[in-house]
């Protein structure tokens, strides 16, 4: 009986939290819509709808939705959101939210989900953080290692060791790298260190990046390791 009561309380709490989030989202939307013209208001509503759809498709959660929605609203309030296609703005805003929430989502993921070009979304992301003075969120590449789907299996030890490599390099200036490239390079070096057979071509294919990018990243990791 006590367990059922506790479960019921938890369900009520989650439902209340979800309703409150929905109410808060409507308040944010109404606040920003009030200062917009008819055309801009339509674009804003489309961007907000796209944010919710991206979050649903990629299973991102309400924290990312709230943050991305605020960013879209601020972009329109600052009168430059109207100059951006709604699907690009929403994808870039969601990317900011994902990075701040340490979710392993890439620009390519968001571009694919929003039917956009990754480079265009990336440029919009840079524009958002520059125009809004958003601190570039630190990226936790560890989560990307487990997204690599390799044709030949590697050990759990190799996966953990690759995370250790990434963690040791975080303060040393590799934060600007594509996280999937960094994850692939770290896993390749990890396998080499442990005597497990894998090629740079295999990890590059698993990460969806170029083999040359992985090769250059491996060189950079090894160079930084020597200076540690």
C-alpha atoms as a PDB file:
ATOM      1  CA  UNK A   1       0.000   0.000   0.000  1.00  0.00           C
ATOM      2  CA  UNK A   2       2.743   2.405   0.966  1.00  0.00           C
ATOM      3  CA  UNK A   3       4.634   1.708  -2.274  1.00  0.00           C
ATOM      4  CA  UNK A   4       1.491   2.338  -4.362  1.00  0.00           C
ATOM      5  CA  UNK A   5       0.939   5.609  -2.518  1.00  0.00           C
ATOM      6  CA  UNK A   6       4.509   6.721  -3.182  1.00  0.00           C
ATOM      7  CA  UNK A   7       4.211   5.800  -6.865  1.00  0.00           C
ATOM      8  CA  UNK A   8       0.985   7.777  -7.110  1.00  0.00           C
ATOM      9  CA  UNK A   9       2.633  10.811  -5.507  1.00  0.00           C
ATOM     10  CA  UNK A  10       5.518  10.552  -7.989  1.00  0.00           C
ATOM     11  CA  UNK A  11       3.106  10.366 -10.928  1.00  0.00           C
ATOM     12  CA  UNK A  12       1.184  13.391  -9.673  1.00  0.00           C
ATOM     13  CA  UNK A  13       4.430  15.325  -9.210  1.00  0.00           C
ATOM     14  CA  UNK A  14       5.569  14.532 -12.757  1.00  0.00           C
ATOM     15  CA  UNK A  15       2.179  15.475 -14.198  1.00  0.00           C
ATOM     16  CA  UNK A  16       2.164  18.742 -12.244  1.00  0.00           C
ATOM     17  CA  UNK A  17       5.692  19.538 -13.398  1.00  0.00           C
ATOM     18  CA  UNK A  18       4.750  18.801 -17.015  1.00  0.00           C
ATOM     19  CA  UNK A  19       1.643  21.023 -16.817  1.00  0.00           C
ATOM     20  CA  UNK A  20       3.673  23.819 -15.230  1.00  0.00           C
ATOM     21  CA  UNK A  21       6.288  23.549 -18.023  1.00  0.00           C
ATOM     22  CA  UNK A  22       3.553  23.781 -20.652  1.00  0.00           C
ATOM     23  CA  UNK A  23       2.035  26.848 -18.952  1.00  0.00           C
ATOM     24  CA  UNK A  24       5.445  28.479 -18.650  1.00  0.00           C
ATOM     25  CA  UNK A  25       6.164  27.821 -22.333  1.00  0.00           C
ATOM     26  CA  UNK A  26       2.888  29.490 -23.322  1.00  0.00           C
ATOM     27  CA  UNK A  27       3.758  32.498 -21.139  1.00  0.00           C
ATOM     28  CA  UNK A  28       7.179  32.815 -22.789  1.00  0.00           C
ATOM     29  CA  UNK A  29       5.625  32.554 -26.254  1.00  0.00           C
ATOM     30  CA  UNK A  30       2.926  35.128 -25.472  1.00  0.00           C
ATOM     31  CA  UNK A  31       5.466  37.557 -24.031  1.00  0.00           C
ATOM     32  CA  UNK A  32       7.619  37.524 -27.170  1.00  0.00           C
ATOM     33  CA  UNK A  33       4.725  37.438 -29.656  1.00  0.00           C
ATOM     34  CA  UNK A  34       3.286  40.654 -28.246  1.00  0.00           C
ATOM     35  CA  UNK A  35       6.126  42.780 -29.653  1.00  0.00           C
ATOM     36  CA  UNK A  36       6.223  41.211 -33.134  1.00  0.00           C
ATOM     37  CA  UNK A  37       4.618  42.091 -36.427  1.00  0.00           C
ATOM     38  CA  UNK A  38       2.312  39.669 -38.202  1.00  0.00           C
ATOM     39  CA  UNK A  39       4.964  38.047 -40.432  1.00  0.00           C
ATOM     40  CA  UNK A  40       7.541  37.805 -37.632  1.00  0.00           C
ATOM     41  CA  UNK A  41       4.896  36.375 -35.309  1.00  0.00           C
ATOM     42  CA  UNK A  42       4.188  33.603 -37.812  1.00  0.00           C
ATOM     43  CA  UNK A  43       7.918  32.790 -38.106  1.00  0.00           C
ATOM     44  CA  UNK A  44       8.263  32.800 -34.322  1.00  0.00           C
ATOM     45  CA  UNK A  45       5.401  30.350 -33.901  1.00  0.00           C
ATOM     46  CA  UNK A  46       6.943  28.101 -36.549  1.00  0.00           C
ATOM     47  CA  UNK A  47      10.318  28.200 -34.779  1.00  0.00           C
ATOM     48  CA  UNK A  48       8.718  27.316 -31.446  1.00  0.00           C
ATOM     49  CA  UNK A  49       6.847  24.443 -33.060  1.00  0.00           C
ATOM     50  CA  UNK A  50      10.085  23.226 -34.673  1.00  0.00           C
ATOM     51  CA  UNK A  51      11.846  23.284 -31.283  1.00  0.00           C
ATOM     52  CA  UNK A  52       9.206  21.006 -29.790  1.00  0.00           C
ATOM     53  CA  UNK A  53       9.300  18.684 -32.801  1.00  0.00           C
ATOM     54  CA  UNK A  54      13.100  18.386 -32.688  1.00  0.00           C
ATOM     55  CA  UNK A  55      12.993  17.651 -28.974  1.00  0.00           C
ATOM     56  CA  UNK A  56      10.383  14.950 -29.561  1.00  0.00           C
ATOM     57  CA  UNK A  57      12.237  13.362 -32.486  1.00  0.00           C
ATOM     58  CA  UNK A  58      15.588  13.313 -30.654  1.00  0.00           C
ATOM     59  CA  UNK A  59      14.203  12.586 -27.145  1.00  0.00           C
ATOM     60  CA  UNK A  60      15.786  15.675 -25.603  1.00  0.00           C
ATOM     61  CA  UNK A  61      13.541  16.568 -22.686  1.00  0.00           C
ATOM     62  CA  UNK A  62      11.945  19.734 -21.328  1.00  0.00           C
ATOM     63  CA  UNK A  63      15.172  21.357 -20.128  1.00  0.00           C
ATOM     64  CA  UNK A  64      16.415  21.657 -23.706  1.00  0.00           C
ATOM     65  CA  UNK A  65      12.982  22.754 -24.974  1.00  0.00           C
ATOM     66  CA  UNK A  66      12.744  25.574 -22.418  1.00  0.00           C
ATOM     67  CA  UNK A  67      16.258  26.833 -23.127  1.00  0.00           C
ATOM     68  CA  UNK A  68      15.862  26.674 -26.916  1.00  0.00           C
ATOM     69  CA  UNK A  69      12.480  28.415 -26.728  1.00  0.00           C
ATOM     70  CA  UNK A  70      13.956  31.277 -24.696  1.00  0.00           C
ATOM     71  CA  UNK A  71      16.779  31.637 -27.206  1.00  0.00           C
ATOM     72  CA  UNK A  72      14.337  31.777 -30.135  1.00  0.00           C
ATOM     73  CA  UNK A  73      12.234  34.343 -28.290  1.00  0.00           C
ATOM     74  CA  UNK A  74      15.261  36.502 -27.518  1.00  0.00           C
ATOM     75  CA  UNK A  75      16.420  36.277 -31.141  1.00  0.00           C
ATOM     76  CA  UNK A  76      13.100  37.723 -32.310  1.00  0.00           C
ATOM     77  CA  UNK A  77      13.068  40.335 -29.534  1.00  0.00           C
ATOM     78  CA  UNK A  78      16.520  41.457 -30.659  1.00  0.00           C
ATOM     79  CA  UNK A  79      15.168  41.729 -34.244  1.00  0.00           C
ATOM     80  CA  UNK A  80      17.518  39.300 -35.948  1.00  0.00           C
ATOM     81  CA  UNK A  81      15.452  36.121 -35.588  1.00  0.00           C
ATOM     82  CA  UNK A  82      13.266  37.349 -38.441  1.00  0.00           C
ATOM     83  CA  UNK A  83      16.286  37.179 -40.774  1.00  0.00           C
ATOM     84  CA  UNK A  84      16.790  33.452 -40.162  1.00  0.00           C
ATOM     85  CA  UNK A  85      14.709  30.560 -41.533  1.00  0.00           C
ATOM     86  CA  UNK A  86      12.663  29.192 -38.585  1.00  0.00           C
ATOM     87  CA  UNK A  87      13.931  25.622 -39.003  1.00  0.00           C
ATOM     88  CA  UNK A  88      17.569  26.828 -38.929  1.00  0.00           C
ATOM     89  CA  UNK A  89      17.025  29.073 -35.911  1.00  0.00           C
ATOM     90  CA  UNK A  90      15.245  26.331 -33.981  1.00  0.00           C
ATOM     91  CA  UNK A  91      17.949  23.740 -34.767  1.00  0.00           C
ATOM     92  CA  UNK A  92      20.728  26.104 -33.675  1.00  0.00           C
ATOM     93  CA  UNK A  93      18.849  27.042 -30.497  1.00  0.00           C
ATOM     94  CA  UNK A  94      18.295  23.380 -29.658  1.00  0.00           C
ATOM     95  CA  UNK A  95      22.008  22.746 -30.213  1.00  0.00           C
ATOM     96  CA  UNK A  96      22.840  25.411 -27.625  1.00  0.00           C
ATOM     97  CA  UNK A  97      20.418  23.751 -25.212  1.00  0.00           C
ATOM     98  CA  UNK A  98      21.923  20.312 -25.865  1.00  0.00           C
ATOM     99  CA  UNK A  99      25.461  21.513 -25.271  1.00  0.00           C
ATOM    100  CA  UNK A 100      24.488  23.264 -22.058  1.00  0.00           C
ATOM    101  CA  UNK A 101      22.650  20.143 -20.880  1.00  0.00           C
ATOM    102  CA  UNK A 102      25.635  17.944 -21.866  1.00  0.00           C
ATOM    103  CA  UNK A 103      23.545  15.870 -24.287  1.00  0.00           C
ATOM    104  CA  UNK A 104      25.570  14.062 -26.994  1.00  0.00           C
ATOM    105  CA  UNK A 105      23.731  15.513 -29.985  1.00  0.00           C
ATOM    106  CA  UNK A 106      25.642  16.727 -33.032  1.00  0.00           C
ATOM    107  CA  UNK A 107      24.967  19.444 -35.579  1.00  0.00           C
ATOM    108  CA  UNK A 108      24.531  16.663 -38.121  1.00  0.00           C
ATOM    109  CA  UNK A 109      21.793  15.095 -35.961  1.00  0.00           C
ATOM    110  CA  UNK A 110      19.916  18.380 -35.782  1.00  0.00           C
ATOM    111  CA  UNK A 111      20.465  19.199 -39.446  1.00  0.00           C
ATOM    112  CA  UNK A 112      19.111  15.800 -40.444  1.00  0.00           C
ATOM    113  CA  UNK A 113      16.082  16.115 -38.148  1.00  0.00           C
ATOM    114  CA  UNK A 114      15.322  19.634 -39.410  1.00  0.00           C
ATOM    115  CA  UNK A 115      16.140  18.828 -43.072  1.00  0.00           C
ATOM    116  CA  UNK A 116      18.836  21.508 -43.066  1.00  0.00           C
ATOM    117  CA  UNK A 117      22.507  21.803 -43.975  1.00  0.00           C
ATOM    118  CA  UNK A 118      24.855  21.199 -40.981  1.00  0.00           C
ATOM    119  CA  UNK A 119      27.097  24.110 -41.982  1.00  0.00           C
ATOM    120  CA  UNK A 120      24.133  26.491 -42.079  1.00  0.00           C
ATOM    121  CA  UNK A 121      22.985  25.339 -38.629  1.00  0.00           C
ATOM    122  CA  UNK A 122      26.563  25.699 -37.365  1.00  0.00           C
ATOM    123  CA  UNK A 123      26.823  29.278 -38.644  1.00  0.00           C
ATOM    124  CA  UNK A 124      23.501  30.121 -37.008  1.00  0.00           C
ATOM    125  CA  UNK A 125      24.736  28.579 -33.737  1.00  0.00           C
ATOM    126  CA  UNK A 126      27.833  30.811 -33.820  1.00  0.00           C
ATOM    127  CA  UNK A 127      25.656  33.849 -34.604  1.00  0.00           C
ATOM    128  CA  UNK A 128      23.377  33.107 -31.636  1.00  0.00           C
ATOM    129  CA  UNK A 129      26.142  32.796 -29.075  1.00  0.00           C
ATOM    130  CA  UNK A 130      27.899  35.901 -30.393  1.00  0.00           C
ATOM    131  CA  UNK A 131      24.834  38.160 -30.660  1.00  0.00           C
ATOM    132  CA  UNK A 132      23.391  37.044 -27.322  1.00  0.00           C
ATOM    133  CA  UNK A 133      26.715  36.918 -25.453  1.00  0.00           C
ATOM    134  CA  UNK A 134      26.135  33.254 -24.594  1.00  0.00           C
ATOM    135  CA  UNK A 135      29.234  31.614 -23.162  1.00  0.00           C
ATOM    136  CA  UNK A 136      30.244  28.820 -25.522  1.00  0.00           C
ATOM    137  CA  UNK A 137      29.059  25.766 -23.591  1.00  0.00           C
ATOM    138  CA  UNK A 138      31.705  23.238 -22.600  1.00  0.00           C
ATOM    139  CA  UNK A 139      31.254  20.003 -24.516  1.00  0.00           C
ATOM    140  CA  UNK A 140      31.385  16.648 -22.754  1.00  0.00           C
ATOM    141  CA  UNK A 141      32.610  14.365 -25.538  1.00  0.00           C
ATOM    142  CA  UNK A 142      32.486  11.264 -23.324  1.00  0.00           C
ATOM    143  CA  UNK A 143      28.879  10.534 -24.279  1.00  0.00           C
ATOM    144  CA  UNK A 144      29.785  10.474 -27.976  1.00  0.00           C
ATOM    145  CA  UNK A 145      32.090   7.465 -27.588  1.00  0.00           C
ATOM    146  CA  UNK A 146      29.147   5.160 -26.940  1.00  0.00           C
ATOM    147  CA  UNK A 147      27.414   6.435 -30.081  1.00  0.00           C
ATOM    148  CA  UNK A 148      30.087   4.845 -32.270  1.00  0.00           C
ATOM    149  CA  UNK A 149      28.650   1.739 -33.899  1.00  0.00           C
ATOM    150  CA  UNK A 150      31.582  -0.353 -35.069  1.00  0.00           C
ATOM    151  CA  UNK A 151      31.423  -3.341 -37.391  1.00  0.00           C
ATOM    152  CA  UNK A 152      33.953  -5.166 -35.240  1.00  0.00           C
ATOM    153  CA  UNK A 153      33.384  -5.045 -31.480  1.00  0.00           C
ATOM    154  CA  UNK A 154      35.773  -3.409 -29.038  1.00  0.00           C
ATOM    155  CA  UNK A 155      36.060  -4.078 -25.335  1.00  0.00           C
ATOM    156  CA  UNK A 156      34.387  -2.085 -22.594  1.00  0.00           C
ATOM    157  CA  UNK A 157      37.896  -1.357 -21.320  1.00  0.00           C
ATOM    158  CA  UNK A 158      38.750   0.345 -24.617  1.00  0.00           C
ATOM    159  CA  UNK A 159      35.601   2.467 -24.425  1.00  0.00           C
ATOM    160  CA  UNK A 160      36.371   3.533 -20.861  1.00  0.00           C
ATOM    161  CA  UNK A 161      40.012   4.225 -21.710  1.00  0.00           C
ATOM    162  CA  UNK A 162      38.942   6.443 -24.631  1.00  0.00           C
ATOM    163  CA  UNK A 163      36.777   8.448 -22.230  1.00  0.00           C
ATOM    164  CA  UNK A 164      39.804   8.859 -19.948  1.00  0.00           C
ATOM    165  CA  UNK A 165      41.791  10.180 -22.915  1.00  0.00           C
ATOM    166  CA  UNK A 166      39.085  12.733 -23.726  1.00  0.00           C
ATOM    167  CA  UNK A 167      38.768  13.776 -20.073  1.00  0.00           C
ATOM    168  CA  UNK A 168      42.523  14.348 -19.801  1.00  0.00           C
ATOM    169  CA  UNK A 169      42.496  16.551 -22.907  1.00  0.00           C
ATOM    170  CA  UNK A 170      39.439  18.688 -22.105  1.00  0.00           C
ATOM    171  CA  UNK A 171      41.443  21.635 -20.679  1.00  0.00           C
ATOM    172  CA  UNK A 172      44.044  21.534 -23.471  1.00  0.00           C
ATOM    173  CA  UNK A 173      42.320  23.138 -26.417  1.00  0.00           C
ATOM    174  CA  UNK A 174      40.548  20.388 -28.365  1.00  0.00           C
ATOM    175  CA  UNK A 175      37.073  21.719 -27.532  1.00  0.00           C
ATOM    176  CA  UNK A 176      36.622  23.139 -31.027  1.00  0.00           C
ATOM    177  CA  UNK A 177      36.820  19.717 -32.666  1.00  0.00           C
ATOM    178  CA  UNK A 178      33.811  17.884 -34.014  1.00  0.00           C
ATOM    179  CA  UNK A 179      32.863  15.736 -30.983  1.00  0.00           C
ATOM    180  CA  UNK A 180      32.368  12.641 -33.137  1.00  0.00           C
ATOM    181  CA  UNK A 181      35.832  13.110 -34.663  1.00  0.00           C
ATOM    182  CA  UNK A 182      37.359  13.442 -31.208  1.00  0.00           C
ATOM    183  CA  UNK A 183      35.482  10.388 -29.943  1.00  0.00           C
ATOM    184  CA  UNK A 184      36.634   8.346 -32.948  1.00  0.00           C
ATOM    185  CA  UNK A 185      40.269   9.424 -32.560  1.00  0.00           C
ATOM    186  CA  UNK A 186      40.265   8.725 -28.822  1.00  0.00           C
ATOM    187  CA  UNK A 187      38.779   5.272 -29.374  1.00  0.00           C
ATOM    188  CA  UNK A 188      41.360   4.476 -32.053  1.00  0.00           C
ATOM    189  CA  UNK A 189      44.235   5.489 -29.759  1.00  0.00           C
ATOM    190  CA  UNK A 190      42.657   3.581 -26.885  1.00  0.00           C
ATOM    191  CA  UNK A 191      42.466   0.396 -28.962  1.00  0.00           C
ATOM    192  CA  UNK A 192      46.061   0.835 -30.117  1.00  0.00           C
ATOM    193  CA  UNK A 193      47.229   1.255 -26.510  1.00  0.00           C
ATOM    194  CA  UNK A 194      45.391  -1.910 -25.449  1.00  0.00           C
ATOM    195  CA  UNK A 195      46.472  -3.996 -28.431  1.00  0.00           C
ATOM    196  CA  UNK A 196      42.991  -4.228 -29.943  1.00  0.00           C
ATOM    197  CA  UNK A 197      42.896  -4.252 -33.732  1.00  0.00           C
ATOM    198  CA  UNK A 198      40.922  -1.481 -35.406  1.00  0.00           C
ATOM    199  CA  UNK A 199      41.627   0.947 -38.240  1.00  0.00           C
ATOM    200  CA  UNK A 200      41.172   4.688 -38.548  1.00  0.00           C
ATOM    201  CA  UNK A 201      38.897   4.035 -41.512  1.00  0.00           C
ATOM    202  CA  UNK A 202      36.607   1.912 -39.325  1.00  0.00           C
ATOM    203  CA  UNK A 203      36.268   4.472 -36.527  1.00  0.00           C
ATOM    204  CA  UNK A 204      35.832   7.274 -39.080  1.00  0.00           C
ATOM    205  CA  UNK A 205      33.005   5.366 -40.773  1.00  0.00           C
ATOM    206  CA  UNK A 206      31.373   4.660 -37.393  1.00  0.00           C
ATOM    207  CA  UNK A 207      31.553   8.360 -36.501  1.00  0.00           C
ATOM    208  CA  UNK A 208      30.338   9.563 -39.897  1.00  0.00           C
ATOM    209  CA  UNK A 209      33.445  11.732 -40.391  1.00  0.00           C
ATOM    210  CA  UNK A 210      36.411  11.729 -42.756  1.00  0.00           C
ATOM    211  CA  UNK A 211      39.389   9.444 -42.187  1.00  0.00           C
ATOM    212  CA  UNK A 212      41.737  12.413 -42.689  1.00  0.00           C
ATOM    213  CA  UNK A 213      39.960  14.305 -39.884  1.00  0.00           C
ATOM    214  CA  UNK A 214      40.453  11.348 -37.535  1.00  0.00           C
ATOM    215  CA  UNK A 215      44.124  11.062 -38.535  1.00  0.00           C
ATOM    216  CA  UNK A 216      44.772  14.746 -37.822  1.00  0.00           C
ATOM    217  CA  UNK A 217      42.921  14.555 -34.509  1.00  0.00           C
ATOM    218  CA  UNK A 218      44.990  11.508 -33.469  1.00  0.00           C
ATOM    219  CA  UNK A 219      48.177  13.462 -34.184  1.00  0.00           C
ATOM    220  CA  UNK A 220      46.927  16.383 -32.111  1.00  0.00           C
ATOM    221  CA  UNK A 221      45.953  14.144 -29.182  1.00  0.00           C
ATOM    222  CA  UNK A 222      49.369  12.489 -29.182  1.00  0.00           C
ATOM    223  CA  UNK A 223      51.119  15.847 -29.411  1.00  0.00           C
ATOM    224  CA  UNK A 224      49.174  17.181 -26.442  1.00  0.00           C
ATOM    225  CA  UNK A 225      49.829  13.989 -24.485  1.00  0.00           C
ATOM    226  CA  UNK A 226      53.575  14.474 -24.906  1.00  0.00           C
ATOM    227  CA  UNK A 227      53.392  18.001 -23.516  1.00  0.00           C
ATOM    228  CA  UNK A 228      51.367  16.929 -20.470  1.00  0.00           C
END
